[in-house]
Amino acid sequence: MKVSDPILFGHCVKVFFKDVFEKHGPLLEEIGANPNNGLGAIYESLNKLPDEKAEEIRNDIEACYEDRPWLAMVNSDKGITNLVSAFNINLDVVM
């Protein structure tokens, strides 16, 4: 079954980047970084933070790629994965 649901998509983002949300969740929520809109929206929200804190979160996001399964790349030259935007992706759900 194919779904394009921002809530399910946001759950996938939160699970994949679990360490980031455990460490920075309240701050991300405070600045309006909504995982339901994808990783791209989270990166945009980081602009509201001081450079040092935003860089710390970006580094923590990048660290997740080392420990998690590989992601399909939408544009590998730009580092864009299937988790960047909820509006361009359908999730395959096995039921």
N, C-alpha and C. Protein backbone atom coordinates (compact mmCIF):
# COMPACT_ATOMS: atom_id res chain seq x y z
N MET A 1 0.85 -1.16 0.00
CA MET A 1 0.00 0.00 0.00
C MET A 1 0.90 1.23 0.00
N LYS A 2 0.57 2.20 -0.80
CA LYS A 2 1.31 3.46 -0.83
C LYS A 2 0.52 4.50 -0.04
N VAL A 3 1.25 5.23 0.80
CA VAL A 3 0.61 6.30 1.56
C VAL A 3 1.44 7.56 1.44
N SER A 4 0.79 8.67 1.47
CA SER A 4 1.47 9.94 1.54
C SER A 4 0.80 10.71 2.67
N ASP A 5 1.19 10.43 3.86
CA ASP A 5 0.57 11.00 5.05
C ASP A 5 1.66 11.66 5.88
N PRO A 6 1.55 12.94 6.13
CA PRO A 6 2.62 13.63 6.86
C PRO A 6 2.83 13.11 8.28
N ILE A 7 1.80 12.58 8.90
CA ILE A 7 1.97 12.06 10.27
C ILE A 7 2.80 10.78 10.24
N LEU A 8 2.48 9.88 9.32
CA LEU A 8 3.29 8.67 9.19
C LEU A 8 4.71 9.02 8.76
N PHE A 9 4.81 9.95 7.83
CA PHE A 9 6.12 10.38 7.36
C PHE A 9 6.93 10.96 8.52
N GLY A 10 6.31 11.83 9.31
CA GLY A 10 6.99 12.43 10.46
C GLY A 10 7.45 11.39 11.45
N HIS A 11 6.66 10.35 11.63
CA HIS A 11 7.06 9.26 12.53
C HIS A 11 8.33 8.59 11.99
N CYS A 12 8.39 8.38 10.69
CA CYS A 12 9.59 7.78 10.09
C CYS A 12 10.81 8.66 10.32
N VAL A 13 10.65 9.96 10.14
CA VAL A 13 11.75 10.90 10.37
C VAL A 13 12.20 10.82 11.82
N LYS A 14 11.25 10.83 12.75
CA LYS A 14 11.59 10.79 14.18
C LYS A 14 12.27 9.48 14.57
N VAL A 15 11.88 8.38 13.96
CA VAL A 15 12.51 7.10 14.27
C VAL A 15 13.91 7.05 13.69
N PHE A 16 14.07 7.47 12.45
CA PHE A 16 15.40 7.42 11.83
C PHE A 16 16.38 8.32 12.58
N PHE A 17 15.93 9.49 12.99
CA PHE A 17 16.78 10.44 13.70
C PHE A 17 16.46 10.45 15.20
N LYS A 18 16.19 9.28 15.73
CA LYS A 18 15.78 9.12 17.13
C LYS A 18 16.74 9.81 18.10
N ASP A 19 18.04 9.64 17.89
CA ASP A 19 19.02 10.23 18.81
C ASP A 19 18.92 11.75 18.83
N VAL A 20 18.67 12.34 17.68
CA VAL A 20 18.55 13.80 17.58
C VAL A 20 17.32 14.27 18.35
N PHE A 21 16.21 13.57 18.17
CA PHE A 21 14.97 13.99 18.84
C PHE A 21 15.01 13.72 20.34
N GLU A 22 15.75 12.70 20.76
CA GLU A 22 15.92 12.47 22.20
C GLU A 22 16.75 13.59 22.82
N LYS A 23 17.78 14.01 22.14
CA LYS A 23 18.70 15.02 22.68
C LYS A 23 18.17 16.44 22.53
N HIS A 24 17.55 16.73 21.38
CA HIS A 24 17.18 18.12 21.06
C HIS A 24 15.68 18.33 20.88
N GLY A 25 14.87 17.31 21.18
CA GLY A 25 13.43 17.37 20.91
C GLY A 25 12.72 18.62 21.41
N PRO A 26 12.86 18.97 22.69
CA PRO A 26 12.15 20.16 23.17
C PRO A 26 12.57 21.44 22.44
N LEU A 27 13.85 21.57 22.15
CA LEU A 27 14.32 22.76 21.43
C LEU A 27 13.79 22.78 20.01
N LEU A 28 13.81 21.62 19.34
CA LEU A 28 13.29 21.55 17.97
C LEU A 28 11.80 21.90 17.94
N GLU A 29 11.08 21.42 18.93
CA GLU A 29 9.65 21.75 19.01
C GLU A 29 9.45 23.24 19.24
N GLU A 30 10.28 23.81 20.10
CA GLU A 30 10.18 25.24 20.42
C GLU A 30 10.39 26.12 19.19
N ILE A 31 11.29 25.71 18.29
CA ILE A 31 11.57 26.54 17.11
C ILE A 31 10.68 26.16 15.92
N GLY A 32 9.75 25.22 16.14
CA GLY A 32 8.80 24.85 15.10
C GLY A 32 9.33 23.88 14.06
N ALA A 33 10.35 23.11 14.42
CA ALA A 33 10.90 22.10 13.51
C ALA A 33 9.99 20.89 13.52
N ASN A 34 9.12 20.80 12.54
CA ASN A 34 8.10 19.76 12.49
C ASN A 34 8.57 18.61 11.60
N PRO A 35 8.84 17.43 12.17
CA PRO A 35 9.29 16.30 11.37
C PRO A 35 8.26 15.84 10.34
N ASN A 36 7.00 16.19 10.54
CA ASN A 36 5.96 15.81 9.58
C ASN A 36 6.18 16.48 8.22
N ASN A 37 6.96 17.55 8.21
CA ASN A 37 7.25 18.25 6.96
C ASN A 37 8.59 17.84 6.36
N GLY A 38 9.28 16.92 7.01
CA GLY A 38 10.53 16.40 6.47
C GLY A 38 11.78 17.04 7.05
N LEU A 39 12.89 16.42 6.74
CA LEU A 39 14.18 16.88 7.25
C LEU A 39 14.53 18.27 6.72
N GLY A 40 14.10 18.56 5.50
CA GLY A 40 14.36 19.89 4.93
C GLY A 40 13.77 20.99 5.78
N ALA A 41 12.55 20.78 6.28
CA ALA A 41 11.90 21.77 7.14
C ALA A 41 12.62 21.91 8.48
N ILE A 42 13.17 20.80 8.96
CA ILE A 42 13.92 20.86 10.20
C ILE A 42 15.18 21.70 10.00
N TYR A 43 15.88 21.45 8.88
CA TYR A 43 17.07 22.25 8.59
C TYR A 43 16.73 23.74 8.48
N GLU A 44 15.61 24.05 7.84
CA GLU A 44 15.19 25.46 7.73
C GLU A 44 14.95 26.07 9.11
N SER A 45 14.33 25.32 10.00
CA SER A 45 14.04 25.82 11.35
C SER A 45 15.31 26.08 12.15
N LEU A 46 16.39 25.38 11.82
CA LEU A 46 17.64 25.58 12.55
C LEU A 46 18.19 26.98 12.35
N ASN A 47 17.75 27.67 11.31
CA ASN A 47 18.19 29.05 11.07
C ASN A 47 17.75 30.00 12.19
N LYS A 48 16.80 29.57 12.99
CA LYS A 48 16.31 30.39 14.10
C LYS A 48 17.22 30.31 15.32
N LEU A 49 18.19 29.41 15.28
CA LEU A 49 19.08 29.18 16.42
C LEU A 49 20.42 29.88 16.22
N PRO A 50 21.14 30.11 17.31
CA PRO A 50 22.51 30.59 17.17
C PRO A 50 23.32 29.59 16.35
N ASP A 51 24.29 30.08 15.60
CA ASP A 51 25.07 29.24 14.69
C ASP A 51 25.67 28.02 15.38
N GLU A 52 26.20 28.21 16.57
CA GLU A 52 26.86 27.10 17.28
C GLU A 52 25.88 25.98 17.61
N LYS A 53 24.69 26.33 18.08
CA LYS A 53 23.69 25.32 18.44
C LYS A 53 23.15 24.65 17.18
N ALA A 54 22.91 25.42 16.13
CA ALA A 54 22.42 24.85 14.88
C ALA A 54 23.44 23.87 14.31
N GLU A 55 24.70 24.21 14.38
CA GLU A 55 25.75 23.33 13.87
C GLU A 55 25.83 22.04 14.69
N GLU A 56 25.64 22.14 16.00
CA GLU A 56 25.62 20.95 16.85
C GLU A 56 24.50 19.99 16.42
N ILE A 57 23.33 20.53 16.16
CA ILE A 57 22.20 19.70 15.74
C ILE A 57 22.45 19.11 14.36
N ARG A 58 23.00 19.92 13.44
CA ARG A 58 23.33 19.39 12.11
C ARG A 58 24.32 18.24 12.22
N ASN A 59 25.32 18.38 13.07
CA ASN A 59 26.30 17.31 13.26
C ASN A 59 25.65 16.06 13.85
N ASP A 60 24.72 16.24 14.78
CA ASP A 60 24.01 15.10 15.35
C ASP A 60 23.13 14.40 14.30
N ILE A 61 22.55 15.18 13.40
CA ILE A 61 21.77 14.61 12.30
C ILE A 61 22.68 13.78 11.41
N GLU A 62 23.80 14.35 11.03
CA GLU A 62 24.75 13.65 10.16
C GLU A 62 25.26 12.37 10.82
N ALA A 63 25.45 12.39 12.13
CA ALA A 63 25.94 11.21 12.84
C ALA A 63 24.95 10.05 12.74
N CYS A 64 23.67 10.34 12.61
CA CYS A 64 22.67 9.27 12.48
C CYS A 64 22.89 8.45 11.22
N TYR A 65 23.41 9.07 10.16
CA TYR A 65 23.63 8.34 8.92
C TYR A 65 24.70 7.26 9.09
N GLU A 66 25.57 7.42 10.06
CA GLU A 66 26.62 6.43 10.29
C GLU A 66 26.08 5.15 10.90
N ASP A 67 25.04 5.26 11.73
CA ASP A 67 24.52 4.11 12.49
C ASP A 67 23.24 3.52 11.94
N ARG A 68 22.59 4.22 11.06
CA ARG A 68 21.29 3.78 10.55
C ARG A 68 21.43 3.11 9.19
N PRO A 69 20.40 2.41 8.75
CA PRO A 69 20.44 1.80 7.40
C PRO A 69 20.58 2.87 6.33
N TRP A 70 21.10 2.48 5.20
CA TRP A 70 21.23 3.41 4.08
C TRP A 70 19.84 3.85 3.62
N LEU A 71 19.77 5.08 3.17
CA LEU A 71 18.52 5.63 2.64
C LEU A 71 18.60 5.75 1.13
N ALA A 72 17.46 5.62 0.47
CA ALA A 72 17.41 5.89 -0.96
C ALA A 72 17.70 7.37 -1.18
N MET A 73 18.48 7.66 -2.19
CA MET A 73 18.84 9.04 -2.49
C MET A 73 17.97 9.56 -3.62
N VAL A 74 17.36 10.69 -3.40
CA VAL A 74 16.60 11.36 -4.44
C VAL A 74 17.57 12.12 -5.33
N ASN A 75 18.57 12.75 -4.70
CA ASN A 75 19.62 13.46 -5.43
C ASN A 75 20.89 13.33 -4.60
N SER A 76 21.71 12.34 -4.95
CA SER A 76 22.90 12.07 -4.16
C SER A 76 23.93 13.19 -4.25
N ASP A 77 23.95 13.94 -5.35
CA ASP A 77 24.89 15.06 -5.48
C ASP A 77 24.62 16.14 -4.44
N LYS A 78 23.36 16.29 -4.06
CA LYS A 78 22.98 17.30 -3.07
C LYS A 78 22.72 16.69 -1.70
N GLY A 79 22.85 15.37 -1.56
CA GLY A 79 22.61 14.70 -0.29
C GLY A 79 21.15 14.64 0.10
N ILE A 80 20.27 14.65 -0.89
CA ILE A 80 18.83 14.65 -0.62
C ILE A 80 18.32 13.22 -0.59
N THR A 81 17.76 12.82 0.55
CA THR A 81 17.22 11.48 0.72
C THR A 81 15.70 11.52 0.67
N ASN A 82 15.09 10.36 0.83
CA ASN A 82 13.63 10.26 0.86
C ASN A 82 13.02 10.90 2.10
N LEU A 83 13.81 11.30 3.06
CA LEU A 83 13.26 11.90 4.28
C LEU A 83 13.30 13.42 4.27
N VAL A 84 13.71 14.03 3.17
CA VAL A 84 13.85 15.48 3.13
C VAL A 84 12.51 16.19 3.05
N SER A 85 11.59 15.68 2.25
CA SER A 85 10.31 16.38 2.08
C SER A 85 9.15 15.39 2.09
N ALA A 86 8.19 15.66 2.92
CA ALA A 86 7.01 14.79 3.03
C ALA A 86 6.12 14.89 1.81
N PHE A 87 6.26 15.93 1.05
CA PHE A 87 5.31 16.19 -0.03
C PHE A 87 5.73 15.56 -1.35
N ASN A 88 6.92 15.01 -1.42
CA ASN A 88 7.40 14.41 -2.65
C ASN A 88 7.57 12.91 -2.57
N ILE A 89 7.19 12.31 -1.45
CA ILE A 89 7.49 10.92 -1.21
C ILE A 89 6.23 10.14 -0.87
N ASN A 90 6.14 8.94 -1.39
CA ASN A 90 5.14 7.98 -0.94
C ASN A 90 5.87 6.90 -0.16
N LEU A 91 5.37 6.53 0.97
CA LEU A 91 5.97 5.47 1.77
C LEU A 91 5.32 4.15 1.39
N ASP A 92 6.14 3.13 1.21
CA ASP A 92 5.60 1.80 0.97
C ASP A 92 5.36 1.15 2.32
N VAL A 93 4.13 0.76 2.57
CA VAL A 93 3.76 0.13 3.83
C VAL A 93 3.29 -1.29 3.54
N VAL A 94 3.92 -2.25 4.20
CA VAL A 94 3.53 -3.64 4.02
C VAL A 94 2.51 -3.98 5.10
N MET A 95 1.37 -4.48 4.68
CA MET A 95 0.32 -4.82 5.63
C MET A 95 -0.08 -6.26 5.44
